[in-house]
Protein backbone atom coordinates (compact mmCIF):
# COMPACT_ATOMS: atom_id res chain seq x y z
CA MET A 1 -5.78 35.39 -27.57
CA ALA A 2 -6.41 32.30 -25.47
CA VAL A 3 -6.56 30.23 -28.66
CA SER A 4 -2.77 30.60 -28.99
CA VAL A 5 -2.37 28.29 -25.99
CA LEU A 6 -3.94 25.46 -27.96
CA PHE A 7 -1.01 25.35 -30.41
CA HIS A 8 1.47 24.25 -27.77
CA ASP A 9 2.66 20.66 -27.80
CA ILE A 10 2.75 18.66 -24.60
CA SER A 11 6.54 18.49 -25.00
CA ASP A 12 6.63 22.19 -24.07
CA LEU A 13 5.54 21.17 -20.57
CA CYS A 14 8.31 18.57 -20.34
CA LEU A 15 11.18 21.05 -20.34
CA GLY A 16 13.33 20.51 -17.27
CA LYS A 17 11.28 17.58 -15.98
CA PRO A 18 13.28 14.57 -14.75
CA ALA A 19 12.93 11.09 -16.14
CA ILE A 20 10.49 8.98 -14.17
CA ARG A 21 11.86 6.17 -12.04
CA SER A 22 10.41 2.78 -12.74
CA LEU A 23 9.68 -0.71 -11.51
CA PRO A 24 8.95 -3.80 -13.59
CA SER A 25 5.48 -5.28 -13.29
CA SER A 26 7.14 -8.48 -12.04
CA ALA A 27 8.23 -6.73 -8.82
CA THR A 28 6.64 -7.39 -5.42
CA VAL A 29 4.99 -5.06 -2.93
CA GLY A 30 8.16 -5.30 -0.84
CA ASP A 31 10.24 -4.24 -3.85
CA ALA A 32 8.02 -1.20 -4.29
CA LEU A 33 8.31 -0.30 -0.60
CA SER A 34 12.10 -0.55 -0.70
CA ALA A 35 12.34 1.49 -3.91
CA LEU A 36 10.04 4.23 -2.61
CA LYS A 37 12.10 4.55 0.57
CA LYS A 38 15.41 4.46 -1.26
CA THR A 39 14.57 6.97 -4.00
CA GLY A 40 12.36 9.28 -1.98
CA GLU A 41 10.09 9.58 -5.01
CA GLN A 42 6.41 10.30 -4.48
CA TYR A 43 5.46 7.90 -7.28
CA LEU A 44 7.18 5.11 -9.19
CA SER A 45 5.97 4.06 -12.61
CA VAL A 46 5.25 0.39 -13.28
CA TRP A 47 6.15 -1.06 -16.67
CA SER A 48 5.26 -4.22 -18.52
CA CYS A 49 7.65 -5.27 -21.26
CA ASP A 50 7.14 -7.86 -23.96
CA HIS A 51 10.64 -8.36 -25.38
CA ALA A 52 9.37 -11.09 -27.70
CA LYS A 53 7.40 -8.42 -29.54
CA LYS A 54 9.93 -6.54 -31.61
CA THR A 55 9.60 -2.83 -32.25
CA GLU A 56 11.67 -0.42 -34.31
CA GLY A 57 15.18 -0.76 -32.94
CA GLY A 58 14.52 -4.28 -31.65
CA SER A 59 14.05 -3.35 -28.00
CA GLY A 60 10.69 -4.96 -27.51
CA ASP A 61 7.32 -3.49 -26.56
CA CYS A 62 7.28 -1.68 -23.19
CA ARG A 63 4.30 0.15 -21.72
CA CYS A 64 3.71 1.97 -18.49
CA VAL A 65 0.76 0.18 -16.89
CA GLY A 66 0.39 2.21 -13.72
CA LYS A 67 2.08 3.93 -10.82
CA VAL A 68 2.60 3.15 -7.14
CA CYS A 69 2.90 5.43 -4.14
CA MET A 70 3.62 4.92 -0.45
CA VAL A 71 -0.10 5.50 0.16
CA ASP A 72 -0.88 2.37 -1.85
CA VAL A 73 1.49 0.36 0.35
CA VAL A 74 0.19 1.82 3.63
CA VAL A 75 -3.47 1.19 2.76
CA TYR A 76 -2.60 -2.33 1.61
CA LEU A 77 -0.75 -3.13 4.86
CA CYS A 78 -3.72 -1.87 6.90
CA ARG A 79 -6.16 -4.27 5.26
CA GLU A 80 -7.44 -6.84 7.74
CA GLU A 81 -6.39 -9.79 5.61
CA ASN A 82 -2.74 -8.65 5.73
CA LEU A 83 -2.36 -7.89 9.43
CA SER A 84 -1.56 -11.41 10.57
CA ASP A 85 1.26 -11.99 8.08
CA LEU A 86 2.96 -8.84 6.82
CA ALA A 87 5.89 -10.82 5.41
CA ALA A 88 3.58 -12.71 3.07
CA ALA A 89 1.77 -9.48 2.18
CA LEU A 90 5.05 -7.88 1.12
CA GLN A 91 5.82 -10.83 -1.15
CA ALA A 92 2.58 -10.33 -3.08
CA PRO A 93 2.91 -9.22 -6.73
CA LEU A 94 3.02 -5.49 -7.32
CA SER A 95 -0.05 -5.73 -9.54
CA ILE A 96 -2.18 -6.04 -6.40
CA LEU A 97 -1.52 -2.35 -5.70
CA LEU A 98 -2.51 -1.16 -9.15
CA PRO A 99 -6.09 0.11 -9.48
CA GLU A 100 -8.46 -1.81 -11.70
CA VAL A 101 -9.68 1.42 -13.28
CA PRO A 102 -8.19 1.59 -16.81
CA GLY A 103 -6.71 4.74 -18.31
CA LEU A 104 -5.21 6.38 -15.22
CA VAL A 105 -1.86 6.39 -17.00
CA ARG A 106 -1.79 7.16 -20.74
CA HIS A 107 1.06 7.23 -23.25
CA VAL A 108 1.16 10.26 -25.56
CA GLU A 109 3.65 11.43 -28.17
CA PRO A 110 5.60 14.69 -27.72
CA ASN A 111 3.56 16.38 -30.47
CA CYS A 112 0.29 15.73 -28.62
CA SER A 113 -1.49 19.09 -28.37
CA LEU A 114 -2.31 20.73 -25.07
CA LEU A 115 -6.00 20.43 -25.93
CA GLU A 116 -5.68 16.69 -26.53
CA ALA A 117 -3.79 16.31 -23.26
CA LEU A 118 -6.44 18.32 -21.45
CA ASP A 119 -9.16 16.05 -22.80
CA LEU A 120 -7.27 12.96 -21.63
CA ILE A 121 -6.87 14.44 -18.14
CA LEU A 122 -10.56 15.33 -17.94
CA ASP A 123 -11.40 11.83 -19.18
CA GLY A 124 -9.73 10.39 -16.08
CA ALA A 125 -6.03 10.13 -16.85
CA GLN A 126 -3.88 11.15 -13.89
CA ASN A 127 -0.51 10.91 -15.59
CA LEU A 128 0.47 11.32 -19.23
CA VAL A 129 3.67 9.44 -20.10
CA VAL A 130 5.75 11.45 -22.59
CA PRO A 131 9.08 10.50 -24.22
CA ILE A 132 11.79 13.06 -23.46
CA GLN A 133 15.05 14.02 -25.05
CA THR A 134 18.16 13.21 -23.05
CA ARG A 135 21.83 13.91 -23.67
CA ARG A 136 22.91 10.84 -21.71
CA LYS A 137 24.12 8.00 -23.90
CA LYS A 138 22.72 5.55 -21.39
CA PRO A 139 19.73 6.03 -19.06
CA HIS A 140 20.52 6.48 -15.38
CA LYS A 141 20.71 3.11 -13.61
CA SER A 142 17.72 4.07 -11.43
CA HIS A 143 15.59 4.68 -14.51
CA LEU A 144 14.16 1.88 -16.60
CA SER A 145 15.23 2.03 -20.24
CA HIS A 146 12.55 1.12 -22.74
CA ALA A 147 12.14 0.90 -26.49
CA ASN A 148 15.12 2.45 -28.29
CA GLY A 149 16.66 3.40 -24.94
CA ARG A 150 14.24 6.31 -24.49
CA GLU A 151 13.40 7.86 -21.14
CA PHE A 152 10.06 9.32 -20.16
CA CYS A 153 8.56 11.97 -17.94
CA TRP A 154 4.96 12.40 -16.98
CA ILE A 155 2.57 15.30 -17.10
CA THR A 156 -0.04 15.81 -14.38
CA GLN A 157 -2.99 18.07 -13.64
CA GLU A 158 -0.64 20.32 -11.69
CA ASP A 159 1.64 20.77 -14.71
CA ILE A 160 -1.24 21.85 -16.93
CA VAL A 161 -2.71 24.21 -14.32
CA ARG A 162 0.73 25.79 -13.82
CA PHE A 163 1.15 26.20 -17.58
CA LEU A 164 -2.25 27.86 -17.92
CA LEU A 165 -1.48 30.17 -15.00
CA ASN A 166 1.56 31.50 -16.86
CA GLY A 167 -0.80 32.86 -19.53
CA ILE A 168 -3.73 33.61 -17.27
CA GLY A 169 -4.22 37.10 -18.68
CA LEU A 170 -5.30 35.60 -22.00
CA PHE A 171 -8.45 34.19 -20.41
CA SER A 172 -9.92 37.39 -18.96
CA PRO A 173 -12.43 37.79 -17.36
CA ILE A 174 -12.73 34.13 -16.29
CA PRO A 175 -9.82 34.11 -13.80
CA ALA A 176 -11.38 36.93 -11.79
CA LEU A 177 -14.72 35.16 -11.34
CA SER A 178 -15.43 33.47 -8.01
CA VAL A 179 -15.41 29.70 -7.70
CA ASP A 180 -18.99 29.96 -6.46
CA SER A 181 -20.19 31.87 -9.54
CA LEU A 182 -18.41 29.35 -11.77
CA GLY A 183 -20.31 26.52 -10.10
CA ILE A 184 -17.24 24.38 -9.41
CA ILE A 185 -17.64 23.84 -5.65
CA ARG A 186 -18.30 20.16 -5.05
CA SER A 187 -20.40 19.06 -2.10
CA ASP A 188 -19.52 15.35 -2.42
CA ILE A 189 -16.52 15.39 -0.12
CA LEU A 190 -14.66 12.69 1.78
CA ALA A 191 -14.80 13.31 5.53
CA VAL A 192 -14.30 11.63 8.90
CA GLY A 193 -15.32 12.76 12.37
CA TYR A 194 -12.62 14.04 14.70
CA HIS A 195 -13.42 11.35 17.30
CA ASP A 196 -14.02 8.53 14.77
CA ALA A 197 -11.52 5.70 14.42
CA ALA A 198 -8.97 6.60 11.75
CA VAL A 199 -9.21 3.11 10.28
CA SER A 200 -12.86 3.83 9.45
CA ALA A 201 -11.50 6.35 6.92
CA LEU A 202 -9.14 3.84 5.27
CA ASP A 203 -11.31 3.46 2.18
CA SER A 204 -11.72 7.25 2.05
CA ILE A 205 -7.94 7.71 2.19
CA ALA A 206 -7.56 5.26 -0.70
CA LEU A 207 -10.29 7.03 -2.68
CA ALA A 208 -8.83 10.47 -1.93
CA HIS A 209 -5.49 9.20 -3.20
CA ALA A 210 -7.14 7.97 -6.39
CA GLU A 211 -9.05 11.23 -6.86
CA GLN A 212 -6.05 13.40 -5.89
CA THR A 213 -7.95 15.07 -3.05
CA SER A 214 -7.94 14.57 0.74
CA VAL A 215 -10.08 13.47 3.68
CA ALA A 216 -11.56 16.28 5.78
CA VAL A 217 -11.58 15.90 9.57
CA VAL A 218 -14.71 17.58 10.89
CA ALA A 219 -16.25 18.44 14.25
CA PRO A 220 -19.72 17.18 15.22
CA ASP A 221 -21.22 20.48 14.01
CA GLY A 222 -19.60 20.15 10.59
CA ALA A 223 -16.77 22.61 11.15
CA LEU A 224 -13.51 21.83 9.37
CA ILE A 225 -10.73 21.01 11.84
CA GLY A 226 -8.05 19.66 9.53
CA GLU A 227 -7.40 16.88 7.06
CA ILE A 228 -5.78 13.51 6.56
CA SER A 229 -3.88 14.09 3.35
CA PRO A 230 -2.64 11.15 1.25
CA ALA A 231 0.49 13.21 0.55
CA THR A 232 1.20 13.45 4.27
CA VAL A 233 0.51 9.76 4.78
CA ALA A 234 3.00 9.04 2.00
CA ALA A 235 5.62 11.31 3.57
CA CYS A 236 5.33 9.40 6.86
CA GLY A 237 6.08 6.08 5.22
CA GLU A 238 4.93 2.65 6.32
CA ALA A 239 5.36 3.59 10.00
CA VAL A 240 2.02 5.43 9.84
CA ALA A 241 0.10 2.18 9.18
CA PRO A 242 -0.07 1.13 12.87
CA ALA A 243 -1.27 4.62 13.83
CA ILE A 244 -4.11 4.44 11.31
CA LEU A 245 -5.22 1.17 12.87
CA ALA A 246 -4.92 2.27 16.48
CA LEU A 247 -5.84 5.96 16.76
CA PRO A 248 -8.90 8.19 16.38
CA ALA A 249 -8.79 10.51 13.38
CA GLY A 250 -8.03 13.56 15.53
CA ASP A 251 -5.05 11.85 17.16
CA LEU A 252 -3.83 10.66 13.77
CA MET A 253 -3.69 14.31 12.69
CA SER A 254 -1.32 15.01 15.59
CA TYR A 255 0.67 11.86 14.81
CA ILE A 256 1.43 12.97 11.24
CA ASP A 257 2.17 16.62 11.95
CA CYS A 258 5.53 18.11 11.02
CA GLY A 259 6.77 18.01 14.60
CA GLY A 260 6.50 14.24 14.62
CA PRO A 261 4.31 11.90 16.66
CA PRO A 262 4.00 12.92 20.33
CA THR A 263 5.42 10.39 22.77
CA HIS A 264 2.06 9.64 24.36
CA LEU A 265 0.57 8.72 20.99
CA ILE A 266 3.46 6.40 20.16
CA ARG A 267 2.88 4.69 23.50
CA ALA A 268 -0.85 4.44 22.76
CA VAL A 269 -0.19 2.83 19.37
CA LYS A 270 2.26 0.33 20.88
CA ALA A 271 -0.20 -0.59 23.64
CA TRP A 272 -2.98 -1.17 21.10
CA LEU A 273 -0.71 -3.34 18.95
CA ARG A 274 0.28 -5.44 21.96
CA ASP A 275 -3.36 -5.93 22.90
CA GLN A 276 -4.09 -7.09 19.35
CA ASN A 277 -1.00 -9.35 19.20
CA LEU A 278 0.20 -7.56 16.08
CA ASP A 279 3.93 -8.02 16.59
CA ALA A 280 4.76 -7.52 12.91
CA MET A 281 3.02 -4.15 12.92
CA MET A 282 5.04 -3.25 16.01
CA GLU A 283 8.20 -3.65 13.95
CA LEU A 284 7.04 -0.93 11.56
CA LEU A 285 7.28 1.58 14.39
CA GLY A 286 11.02 1.00 14.47
CA GLU A 287 11.31 3.42 11.55
CA LEU A 288 9.18 6.52 11.90
CA SER A 289 10.40 7.83 8.52
CA ASN A 290 9.95 11.57 8.05
CA CYS A 291 7.54 11.75 10.96
CA SER A 292 10.06 10.70 13.61
CA SER A 293 10.80 13.28 16.25
CA SER A 294 11.63 13.77 19.88
CA SER A 295 8.61 16.03 20.26
CA SER A 296 7.06 16.17 23.68
CA ASP A 297 3.47 15.59 24.64
CA ASP A 298 2.89 19.31 25.00
CA ASP A 299 4.18 20.70 21.69
CA SER A 300 1.28 19.39 19.60
CA PRO A 301 -1.97 20.90 20.87
CA VAL A 302 -4.96 18.74 20.06
CA PRO A 303 -8.20 20.52 19.11
CA ASP A 304 -11.25 19.60 21.16
CA GLY A 305 -14.19 19.23 18.81
CA ALA A 306 -16.71 19.65 21.62
CA ARG A 307 -15.04 22.72 23.15
CA SER A 308 -14.00 24.91 20.24
CA PRO A 309 -13.82 23.06 16.91
CA THR A 310 -13.26 26.15 14.78
CA GLY A 311 -10.49 27.61 16.89
CA PRO A 312 -7.55 25.65 15.41
CA LEU A 313 -8.61 26.52 11.87
CA ARG A 314 -8.83 30.20 12.71
CA THR A 315 -5.40 29.94 14.27
CA SER A 316 -4.02 28.47 11.05
CA LEU A 317 -5.65 31.20 9.01
CA SER A 318 -3.93 33.85 11.14
CA MET A 319 -0.58 32.41 9.95
CA ARG A 320 1.16 32.83 13.26
CA SER A 321 4.94 32.63 13.25
CA ARG A 322 5.27 28.88 13.65
CA MET A 323 5.69 25.88 11.40
CA VAL A 324 2.57 25.13 9.37
CA ARG A 325 1.23 21.75 10.42
CA ARG A 326 0.73 19.16 7.73
CA SER A 327 -2.74 18.26 8.98
CA GLU A 328 -3.98 21.82 8.59
CA ALA A 329 -6.34 22.17 5.67
CA ILE A 330 -5.64 24.69 2.90
CA VAL A 331 -8.85 26.66 2.50
CA CYS A 332 -10.55 29.34 0.46
CA GLN A 333 -13.89 31.14 0.54
CA LYS A 334 -16.83 30.82 -1.83
CA GLY A 335 -16.01 34.30 -3.09
CA SER A 336 -12.37 33.47 -3.84
CA SER A 337 -11.44 34.05 -7.46
CA LEU A 338 -10.44 31.22 -9.75
CA VAL A 339 -6.91 32.59 -10.17
CA ALA A 340 -6.50 32.98 -6.40
CA VAL A 341 -7.46 29.33 -5.89
CA MET A 342 -5.03 28.24 -8.61
CA ILE A 343 -2.15 30.20 -7.08
CA GLN A 344 -2.84 29.03 -3.55
CA ALA A 345 -3.17 25.37 -4.51
CA LEU A 346 0.01 25.45 -6.59
CA ALA A 347 1.90 27.18 -3.78
CA HIS A 348 0.95 24.39 -1.37
CA ARG A 349 1.47 21.62 -3.98
CA VAL A 350 -2.08 20.29 -3.64
CA ASN A 351 -4.67 19.50 -6.31
CA TYR A 352 -7.63 20.84 -4.36
CA MET A 353 -8.84 23.56 -2.01
CA TRP A 354 -11.35 23.18 0.81
CA VAL A 355 -14.10 25.79 0.68
CA ILE A 356 -15.37 27.16 4.00
CA ASP A 357 -18.09 29.56 5.08
CA ASP A 358 -17.50 32.55 7.35
CA ASP A 359 -18.08 30.39 10.44
CA CYS A 360 -15.44 27.88 9.23
CA SER A 361 -18.05 25.24 8.41
CA LEU A 362 -17.11 23.08 5.46
CA ALA A 363 -18.93 24.11 2.29
CA GLY A 364 -17.23 21.86 -0.21
CA ILE A 365 -14.09 21.37 -2.27
CA VAL A 366 -12.64 22.71 -5.53
CA THR A 367 -10.30 20.40 -7.44
CA PHE A 368 -7.86 20.95 -10.29
CA SER A 369 -10.15 18.78 -12.40
CA ASP A 370 -12.92 21.34 -11.84
CA VAL A 371 -10.55 24.19 -12.67
CA LEU A 372 -9.37 22.53 -15.88
CA ARG A 373 -12.94 21.89 -16.95
CA VAL A 374 -13.60 25.65 -16.82
CA PHE A 375 -10.72 26.27 -19.24
CA ARG A 376 -11.81 23.38 -21.48
CA GLU A 377 -15.26 24.92 -21.83
CA HIS A 378 -13.60 28.21 -22.72
CA PHE A 379 -11.58 26.48 -25.46
CA GLN A 380 -14.71 25.00 -27.06
CA ALA A 381 -15.47 28.35 -28.65
CA TYR A 382 -12.31 28.01 -30.76
CA GLU A 383 -12.81 24.45 -32.02
C-alpha cells in the first residue's frame, strides 16, 4: 500500500549523496563566483556560525542560511547599479545574493519522516539540510565542518519525486491519469517574446530560478519557440551576463546553445558593450565558460518568429540525430500521464514540463511542486 512509503525516514533518500560544499556568510560575491567556478557545483550552501554559542561537543552553533548559484551572480552583475563598477560589486557581502524569503533552506534531522519532508517542500522549502554519516575522520577540505564535525547533504524536490517514482505502482490509478484531468497545469507562466530584449526578462530569470522553473520564449502568436533556462544560464557562467544585456531573447537562445555562441553574436555583444562604454563587462567575455566554442555563424539556425515559429519546436520533437540544444524546451501534452511527466522531467534533470497544444501553442506548465501536491493529497487519506 502507498501508506508504507510514509514510514521512510528522510535519511533513506540521503544514501550515496555527497556532502554539500559550503561558504561562510562572511564571504563576498567574488568569493562565491570563484568557488562556483572552481568546484563546478550548481549550488553552494551558505553558513552562519556563532562559535561563542556552545553546543554539545563545543563546536559552536552553525546553521545553513541559504544557497548561492551562478544564476544569482549573473543576475546581480546585470543590475544597472552594478554595471559601472563590477569590481566594487564583486566585493559586496554574499548576503546580498540571498533571497529575503525565509524558509527556502530548512534543517531537518535524519529521522524526519518523508511526509514531514514533503510538507516542508510544499510549504516553500527548496532544500532540506540533513546530517549524513561519513567514514572520513575529517571532512574534506572543500566542505565546511560544523557542529561536532558533521557533514550534511540536502534533499530537493527532485529527490522526493525520484523516490516516489521508484514505488509508483503503489499509487495506482493516479500515475496513469493525465495532468489535465488532475488539474495541475498552471497558466501563470514566465515568458518573453522572441524579439524582446533579453534584459527585459532579467527579473523573470531571477524569479524562475527562485521557483525552479524557466522562462518561455514565445512567438507573437503565442507559440513556444524555446526557453531561457536558469540551469543553462548557470552552466554558461558569468560570461553570459553581457549577452543578456546586449541581445534579443531569441539571439540569447542561440548564444547559450550547446554549440557555443556564434561568432556574429559575440561580435554583436562586443559592439554593444563598446557603445555603452562597459569595459568591465567586456572583460567577462574573455572567459566563455562552458559556452565557449569555435562554432560558425551557420551552425546555429535561428528561428524566425514571423516566418514559422512552430517549426523549430516540431524539429526538436522529431528528435533528429543531432545534439539537443539547451534552449529547446522539454514539453508534454495535456493528455500526458502523470508518470510520463515525472519520468521525462527526471530524465532531463528539470523540475518542470511545458505543456503545449497540438499546434505547439503554449498551454501552461507543470512543476514538481504540482506533482508532489497530488501525492500529498493522496496521503491525507492515511493520516
